[in-house]
Amino acid sequence: MKLSTDQTNLGKVSGIRGSVIEATFADQLPRLYHKLITGENQDIIIEVTKHLDAKTIQGIALTPVQG
């Protein structure tokens, strides 16, 4: 599943634990409290809550996550 902060900064979901999401970004990390959009229909919204390292964020899903 890919995450998009905009059309140029794409990330990849690396872990899901309940509504807590971890994602990696090759280029630039999104800012804290920034909205990320993902899902087959772009219907999952994630808020960035923490920078874990130089390439990984942790966020919380604001919409239901199943699968």
Protein backbone atom coordinates (compact mmCIF):
# COMPACT_ATOMS: atom_id res chain seq x y z
CA MET A 1 0.00 0.00 0.00
CA LYS A 2 1.45 3.36 -0.95
CA LEU A 3 1.04 6.57 0.99
CA SER A 4 0.88 9.97 -0.57
CA THR A 5 1.56 13.33 1.03
CA ASP A 6 1.49 14.84 -2.44
CA GLN A 7 2.24 13.59 -5.94
CA THR A 8 6.02 13.72 -5.47
CA ASN A 9 6.54 12.22 -2.01
CA LEU A 10 5.38 8.60 -1.92
CA GLY A 11 5.92 6.21 0.97
CA LYS A 12 5.25 2.56 1.69
CA VAL A 13 3.37 1.07 4.64
CA SER A 14 5.79 -1.13 6.58
CA GLY A 15 3.60 -2.15 9.49
CA ILE A 16 0.05 -2.05 10.83
CA ARG A 17 -0.89 -2.73 14.47
CA GLY A 18 -4.53 -1.89 15.02
CA SER A 19 -4.87 1.74 14.02
CA VAL A 20 -1.11 2.44 14.41
CA ILE A 21 0.67 2.59 11.06
CA GLU A 22 4.40 2.66 10.29
CA ALA A 23 5.56 3.83 6.89
CA THR A 24 8.88 4.47 5.19
CA PHE A 25 9.72 7.33 2.83
CA ALA A 26 12.79 7.25 0.57
CA ASP A 27 13.09 11.00 0.07
CA GLN A 28 11.62 13.27 2.70
CA LEU A 29 9.55 12.56 5.80
CA PRO A 30 6.17 14.27 6.01
CA ARG A 31 5.83 16.81 8.82
CA LEU A 32 4.32 15.89 12.17
CA TYR A 33 0.50 16.06 12.21
CA HIS A 34 0.49 16.00 8.39
CA LYS A 35 -2.33 14.07 6.68
CA LEU A 36 -1.42 11.04 4.57
CA ILE A 37 -3.84 9.40 2.15
CA THR A 38 -3.76 5.74 1.09
CA GLY A 39 -5.94 2.77 0.19
CA GLU A 40 -7.25 1.33 -3.04
CA ASN A 41 -9.81 4.13 -3.30
CA GLN A 42 -7.67 6.73 -1.49
CA ASP A 43 -10.10 6.43 1.42
CA ILE A 44 -7.75 5.82 4.36
CA ILE A 45 -6.47 8.90 6.18
CA ILE A 46 -3.46 8.72 8.48
CA GLU A 47 -2.08 11.47 10.71
CA VAL A 48 1.69 11.51 11.27
CA THR A 49 2.34 11.35 15.03
CA LYS A 50 6.05 10.55 15.29
CA HIS A 51 9.29 10.39 13.32
CA LEU A 52 10.89 7.06 14.29
CA ASP A 53 14.10 7.58 12.29
CA ALA A 54 15.35 9.37 9.18
CA LYS A 55 13.10 7.34 6.85
CA THR A 56 10.22 6.04 9.01
CA ILE A 57 7.10 7.64 10.47
CA GLN A 58 4.46 6.38 12.85
CA GLY A 59 0.91 7.52 12.40
CA ILE A 60 -2.61 6.82 13.49
CA ALA A 61 -5.38 5.87 11.08
CA LEU A 62 -8.30 8.27 11.34
CA THR A 63 -10.53 5.99 9.27
CA PRO A 64 -11.16 2.25 9.75
CA VAL A 65 -8.34 -0.06 8.66
CA GLN A 66 -9.15 -3.68 7.84
CA GLY A 67 -7.27 -6.46 6.17
